[in-house]
Amino acid sequence: MDYITIYSTKDKNEIDVLQRVYSEEGIDHRLDDTDEIGEVKRIQVAEGDKTRARELLDQTGFLTASQAHAPVHRRMPGKKWIFIFLAAFIIIIVAMVILMFMNVE
């Protein structure tokens, strides 16, 4: 029987959860940990169970709808602006402290 990789991770807890879910649902699966370093673990399912396995990934929150066909890198869109705001704030505080010490009479 042919198996395909459905999920890869370095987190053992995620692997344990997925193995339990697939076992409870009766999905034929196996763990592939043939990575050279041994860090990456892969859950593989039988080709006939691929659709149901993806549905379970989505239901359990491991796979969002946008990730069903291609991985999406999550980024905080406002992260750059927060950094700019904090840098400006620090510059203002430093300027105020310098002015306070310069006005000492």
N, C-alpha and C. Protein backbone atom coordinates (compact mmCIF):
# COMPACT_ATOMS: atom_id res chain seq x y z
N MET A 1 0.85 -1.17 0.00
CA MET A 1 0.00 0.00 0.00
C MET A 1 0.90 1.24 0.00
N ASP A 2 0.51 2.24 -0.79
CA ASP A 2 1.28 3.47 -0.88
C ASP A 2 0.82 4.47 0.17
N TYR A 3 1.80 5.11 0.80
CA TYR A 3 1.53 6.13 1.80
C TYR A 3 2.05 7.47 1.29
N ILE A 4 1.34 8.54 1.65
CA ILE A 4 1.78 9.88 1.30
C ILE A 4 1.92 10.70 2.57
N THR A 5 2.86 11.62 2.57
CA THR A 5 3.07 12.48 3.73
C THR A 5 1.98 13.53 3.76
N ILE A 6 1.28 13.62 4.88
CA ILE A 6 0.18 14.57 5.01
C ILE A 6 0.52 15.72 5.95
N TYR A 7 1.49 15.50 6.87
CA TYR A 7 1.85 16.53 7.84
C TYR A 7 3.27 16.29 8.34
N SER A 8 4.04 17.38 8.44
CA SER A 8 5.41 17.32 8.95
C SER A 8 5.57 18.32 10.08
N THR A 9 6.30 17.94 11.11
CA THR A 9 6.54 18.84 12.23
C THR A 9 7.72 18.36 13.04
N LYS A 10 8.25 19.25 13.87
CA LYS A 10 9.29 18.88 14.82
C LYS A 10 8.70 18.66 16.21
N ASP A 11 7.43 18.99 16.39
CA ASP A 11 6.77 18.92 17.69
C ASP A 11 6.17 17.53 17.91
N LYS A 12 6.71 16.81 18.90
CA LYS A 12 6.23 15.46 19.18
C LYS A 12 4.79 15.46 19.65
N ASN A 13 4.37 16.51 20.36
CA ASN A 13 2.99 16.57 20.84
C ASN A 13 2.00 16.62 19.69
N GLU A 14 2.32 17.37 18.64
CA GLU A 14 1.44 17.42 17.47
C GLU A 14 1.32 16.03 16.83
N ILE A 15 2.43 15.34 16.73
CA ILE A 15 2.42 13.99 16.15
C ILE A 15 1.54 13.07 16.99
N ASP A 16 1.67 13.14 18.32
CA ASP A 16 0.88 12.29 19.21
C ASP A 16 -0.62 12.56 19.04
N VAL A 17 -0.98 13.84 18.96
CA VAL A 17 -2.39 14.20 18.80
C VAL A 17 -2.93 13.67 17.48
N LEU A 18 -2.18 13.89 16.40
CA LEU A 18 -2.65 13.43 15.09
C LEU A 18 -2.74 11.91 15.01
N GLN A 19 -1.78 11.21 15.60
CA GLN A 19 -1.85 9.75 15.59
C GLN A 19 -3.09 9.27 16.33
N ARG A 20 -3.41 9.92 17.43
CA ARG A 20 -4.60 9.52 18.19
C ARG A 20 -5.88 9.79 17.39
N VAL A 21 -5.94 10.97 16.77
CA VAL A 21 -7.12 11.32 15.97
C VAL A 21 -7.30 10.33 14.83
N TYR A 22 -6.21 10.03 14.12
CA TYR A 22 -6.31 9.10 12.99
C TYR A 22 -6.66 7.69 13.45
N SER A 23 -6.15 7.28 14.59
CA SER A 23 -6.49 5.95 15.12
C SER A 23 -7.97 5.87 15.47
N GLU A 24 -8.49 6.93 16.12
CA GLU A 24 -9.90 6.94 16.51
C GLU A 24 -10.82 6.95 15.29
N GLU A 25 -10.37 7.57 14.21
CA GLU A 25 -11.19 7.66 13.00
C GLU A 25 -10.98 6.47 12.07
N GLY A 26 -10.06 5.59 12.41
CA GLY A 26 -9.82 4.40 11.60
C GLY A 26 -9.06 4.67 10.31
N ILE A 27 -8.26 5.72 10.30
CA ILE A 27 -7.48 6.07 9.12
C ILE A 27 -6.14 5.35 9.19
N ASP A 28 -5.80 4.67 8.09
CA ASP A 28 -4.55 3.94 8.01
C ASP A 28 -3.40 4.95 7.92
N HIS A 29 -2.53 4.96 8.92
CA HIS A 29 -1.44 5.93 8.96
C HIS A 29 -0.18 5.29 9.53
N ARG A 30 0.93 6.00 9.35
CA ARG A 30 2.19 5.56 9.93
C ARG A 30 3.07 6.79 10.17
N LEU A 31 4.07 6.62 11.00
CA LEU A 31 5.01 7.69 11.34
C LEU A 31 6.30 7.45 10.57
N ASP A 32 6.74 8.47 9.85
CA ASP A 32 8.00 8.40 9.11
C ASP A 32 8.96 9.38 9.75
N ASP A 33 10.02 8.87 10.37
CA ASP A 33 11.00 9.74 11.01
C ASP A 33 12.40 9.42 10.48
N THR A 34 12.49 9.30 9.17
CA THR A 34 13.76 8.94 8.55
C THR A 34 14.62 10.16 8.22
N ASP A 35 14.35 11.28 8.87
CA ASP A 35 15.16 12.49 8.67
C ASP A 35 16.58 12.22 9.15
N GLU A 36 17.58 12.83 8.47
CA GLU A 36 18.97 12.58 8.83
C GLU A 36 19.24 12.97 10.29
N ILE A 37 18.68 14.08 10.71
CA ILE A 37 18.91 14.58 12.07
C ILE A 37 17.97 13.90 13.06
N GLY A 38 16.84 13.46 12.59
CA GLY A 38 15.87 12.82 13.46
C GLY A 38 14.91 13.79 14.12
N GLU A 39 14.94 15.06 13.70
CA GLU A 39 14.07 16.05 14.31
C GLU A 39 12.69 16.10 13.66
N VAL A 40 12.64 16.03 12.34
CA VAL A 40 11.37 16.17 11.63
C VAL A 40 10.65 14.84 11.59
N LYS A 41 9.41 14.87 12.01
CA LYS A 41 8.57 13.68 11.97
C LYS A 41 7.47 13.92 10.95
N ARG A 42 7.10 12.89 10.24
CA ARG A 42 6.06 13.00 9.23
C ARG A 42 4.97 11.98 9.48
N ILE A 43 3.74 12.45 9.40
CA ILE A 43 2.60 11.54 9.45
C ILE A 43 2.25 11.20 8.00
N GLN A 44 2.20 9.93 7.72
CA GLN A 44 1.82 9.49 6.39
C GLN A 44 0.52 8.71 6.49
N VAL A 45 -0.33 8.88 5.47
CA VAL A 45 -1.60 8.16 5.42
C VAL A 45 -1.69 7.41 4.10
N ALA A 46 -2.53 6.38 4.10
CA ALA A 46 -2.76 5.64 2.86
C ALA A 46 -3.40 6.57 1.85
N GLU A 47 -3.09 6.37 0.57
CA GLU A 47 -3.61 7.26 -0.46
C GLU A 47 -5.13 7.32 -0.46
N GLY A 48 -5.79 6.24 -0.15
CA GLY A 48 -7.24 6.22 -0.13
C GLY A 48 -7.84 7.05 1.00
N ASP A 49 -7.07 7.30 2.04
CA ASP A 49 -7.55 8.07 3.19
C ASP A 49 -7.09 9.53 3.16
N LYS A 50 -6.47 9.95 2.07
CA LYS A 50 -5.88 11.29 1.99
C LYS A 50 -6.93 12.39 2.20
N THR A 51 -8.07 12.29 1.54
CA THR A 51 -9.10 13.34 1.64
C THR A 51 -9.63 13.45 3.06
N ARG A 52 -9.95 12.33 3.68
CA ARG A 52 -10.47 12.35 5.05
C ARG A 52 -9.40 12.84 6.03
N ALA A 53 -8.16 12.47 5.79
CA ALA A 53 -7.07 12.91 6.67
C ALA A 53 -6.89 14.42 6.60
N ARG A 54 -7.00 15.00 5.40
CA ARG A 54 -6.90 16.47 5.26
C ARG A 54 -8.08 17.15 5.95
N GLU A 55 -9.25 16.57 5.84
CA GLU A 55 -10.42 17.14 6.53
C GLU A 55 -10.20 17.15 8.03
N LEU A 56 -9.64 16.09 8.56
CA LEU A 56 -9.36 16.03 10.00
C LEU A 56 -8.29 17.02 10.40
N LEU A 57 -7.28 17.24 9.54
CA LEU A 57 -6.28 18.27 9.82
C LEU A 57 -6.95 19.63 9.94
N ASP A 58 -7.89 19.89 9.06
CA ASP A 58 -8.60 21.17 9.08
C ASP A 58 -9.49 21.27 10.32
N GLN A 59 -10.20 20.22 10.65
CA GLN A 59 -11.10 20.23 11.80
C GLN A 59 -10.35 20.38 13.13
N THR A 60 -9.18 19.82 13.21
CA THR A 60 -8.41 19.89 14.46
C THR A 60 -7.56 21.14 14.55
N GLY A 61 -7.54 21.96 13.49
CA GLY A 61 -6.83 23.22 13.52
C GLY A 61 -5.38 23.14 13.07
N PHE A 62 -4.95 21.99 12.59
CA PHE A 62 -3.58 21.85 12.12
C PHE A 62 -3.41 22.39 10.70
N LEU A 63 -4.51 22.52 9.98
CA LEU A 63 -4.46 22.97 8.59
C LEU A 63 -5.62 23.92 8.36
N THR A 64 -5.31 25.13 7.94
CA THR A 64 -6.38 26.07 7.62
C THR A 64 -6.75 25.92 6.15
N ALA A 65 -7.85 26.52 5.76
CA ALA A 65 -8.33 26.38 4.39
C ALA A 65 -7.31 26.91 3.38
N SER A 66 -6.60 27.98 3.74
CA SER A 66 -5.62 28.55 2.82
C SER A 66 -4.39 27.67 2.68
N GLN A 67 -4.15 26.78 3.63
CA GLN A 67 -2.99 25.90 3.58
C GLN A 67 -3.30 24.58 2.90
N ALA A 68 -4.52 24.38 2.49
CA ALA A 68 -4.90 23.11 1.91
C ALA A 68 -4.12 22.81 0.64
N HIS A 69 -3.71 23.83 -0.10
CA HIS A 69 -3.00 23.60 -1.35
C HIS A 69 -1.56 24.13 -1.32
N ALA A 70 -1.30 25.14 -0.51
CA ALA A 70 0.05 25.69 -0.45
C ALA A 70 0.30 26.25 0.94
N PRO A 71 1.51 26.08 1.45
CA PRO A 71 1.80 26.62 2.77
C PRO A 71 1.79 28.15 2.75
N VAL A 72 1.31 28.73 3.85
CA VAL A 72 1.24 30.17 3.96
C VAL A 72 2.10 30.58 5.16
N HIS A 73 2.96 31.57 4.95
CA HIS A 73 3.78 32.06 6.03
C HIS A 73 3.02 33.17 6.74
N ARG A 74 2.81 33.00 8.03
CA ARG A 74 2.06 33.98 8.81
C ARG A 74 3.00 35.08 9.28
N ARG A 75 2.55 36.32 9.08
CA ARG A 75 3.33 37.46 9.52
C ARG A 75 2.39 38.45 10.18
N MET A 76 2.93 39.19 11.13
CA MET A 76 2.15 40.25 11.74
C MET A 76 2.26 41.48 10.84
N PRO A 77 1.17 41.95 10.24
CA PRO A 77 1.27 43.07 9.33
C PRO A 77 1.69 44.37 10.01
N GLY A 78 1.36 44.57 11.27
CA GLY A 78 1.69 45.81 11.96
C GLY A 78 3.01 45.78 12.70
N LYS A 79 3.75 44.72 12.59
CA LYS A 79 4.98 44.57 13.37
C LYS A 79 5.99 45.67 13.05
N LYS A 80 6.12 46.01 11.78
CA LYS A 80 7.07 47.05 11.37
C LYS A 80 6.66 48.39 11.97
N TRP A 81 5.38 48.71 11.97
CA TRP A 81 4.91 50.00 12.49
C TRP A 81 5.05 50.08 14.00
N ILE A 82 4.87 48.99 14.68
CA ILE A 82 5.07 48.98 16.13
C ILE A 82 6.53 49.28 16.45
N PHE A 83 7.44 48.69 15.70
CA PHE A 83 8.86 48.94 15.90
C PHE A 83 9.20 50.41 15.66
N ILE A 84 8.66 50.98 14.59
CA ILE A 84 8.91 52.39 14.27
C ILE A 84 8.36 53.29 15.38
N PHE A 85 7.15 53.00 15.86
CA PHE A 85 6.55 53.79 16.94
C PHE A 85 7.40 53.72 18.20
N LEU A 86 7.83 52.52 18.59
CA LEU A 86 8.65 52.38 19.80
C LEU A 86 9.99 53.10 19.66
N ALA A 87 10.61 53.03 18.49
CA ALA A 87 11.87 53.73 18.28
C ALA A 87 11.69 55.24 18.41
N ALA A 88 10.61 55.78 17.82
CA ALA A 88 10.34 57.21 17.91
C ALA A 88 10.06 57.61 19.36
N PHE A 89 9.33 56.79 20.08
CA PHE A 89 9.00 57.05 21.47
C PHE A 89 10.28 57.12 22.33
N ILE A 90 11.18 56.19 22.11
CA ILE A 90 12.43 56.17 22.86
C ILE A 90 13.27 57.41 22.54
N ILE A 91 13.30 57.80 21.29
CA ILE A 91 14.06 59.00 20.90
C ILE A 91 13.49 60.24 21.59
N ILE A 92 12.17 60.35 21.67
CA ILE A 92 11.54 61.49 22.34
C ILE A 92 11.88 61.50 23.82
N ILE A 93 11.82 60.35 24.48
CA ILE A 93 12.15 60.25 25.90
C ILE A 93 13.61 60.66 26.13
N VAL A 94 14.52 60.17 25.32
CA VAL A 94 15.93 60.50 25.47
C VAL A 94 16.15 62.00 25.27
N ALA A 95 15.47 62.58 24.29
CA ALA A 95 15.59 64.02 24.05
C ALA A 95 15.09 64.82 25.26
N MET A 96 14.01 64.39 25.87
CA MET A 96 13.47 65.08 27.04
C MET A 96 14.45 65.00 28.22
N VAL A 97 15.05 63.84 28.42
CA VAL A 97 16.01 63.67 29.52
C VAL A 97 17.23 64.55 29.29
N ILE A 98 17.71 64.62 28.07
CA ILE A 98 18.86 65.48 27.76
C ILE A 98 18.51 66.94 28.03
N LEU A 99 17.33 67.37 27.61
CA LEU A 99 16.91 68.75 27.85
C LEU A 99 16.79 69.06 29.33
N MET A 100 16.32 68.12 30.13
CA MET A 100 16.19 68.34 31.57
C MET A 100 17.56 68.57 32.20
N PHE A 101 18.58 67.78 31.81
CA PHE A 101 19.89 67.94 32.39
C PHE A 101 20.63 69.17 31.86
N MET A 102 20.29 69.62 30.69
CA MET A 102 20.94 70.82 30.14
C MET A 102 20.40 72.10 30.78
N ASN A 103 19.17 72.06 31.30
CA ASN A 103 18.55 73.26 31.89
C ASN A 103 18.84 73.40 33.36
N VAL A 104 19.70 72.61 33.91
CA VAL A 104 20.03 72.68 35.33
C VAL A 104 20.84 73.96 35.58
N GLU A 105 20.37 74.80 36.51
CA GLU A 105 21.08 76.06 36.79
C GLU A 105 21.54 76.11 38.22
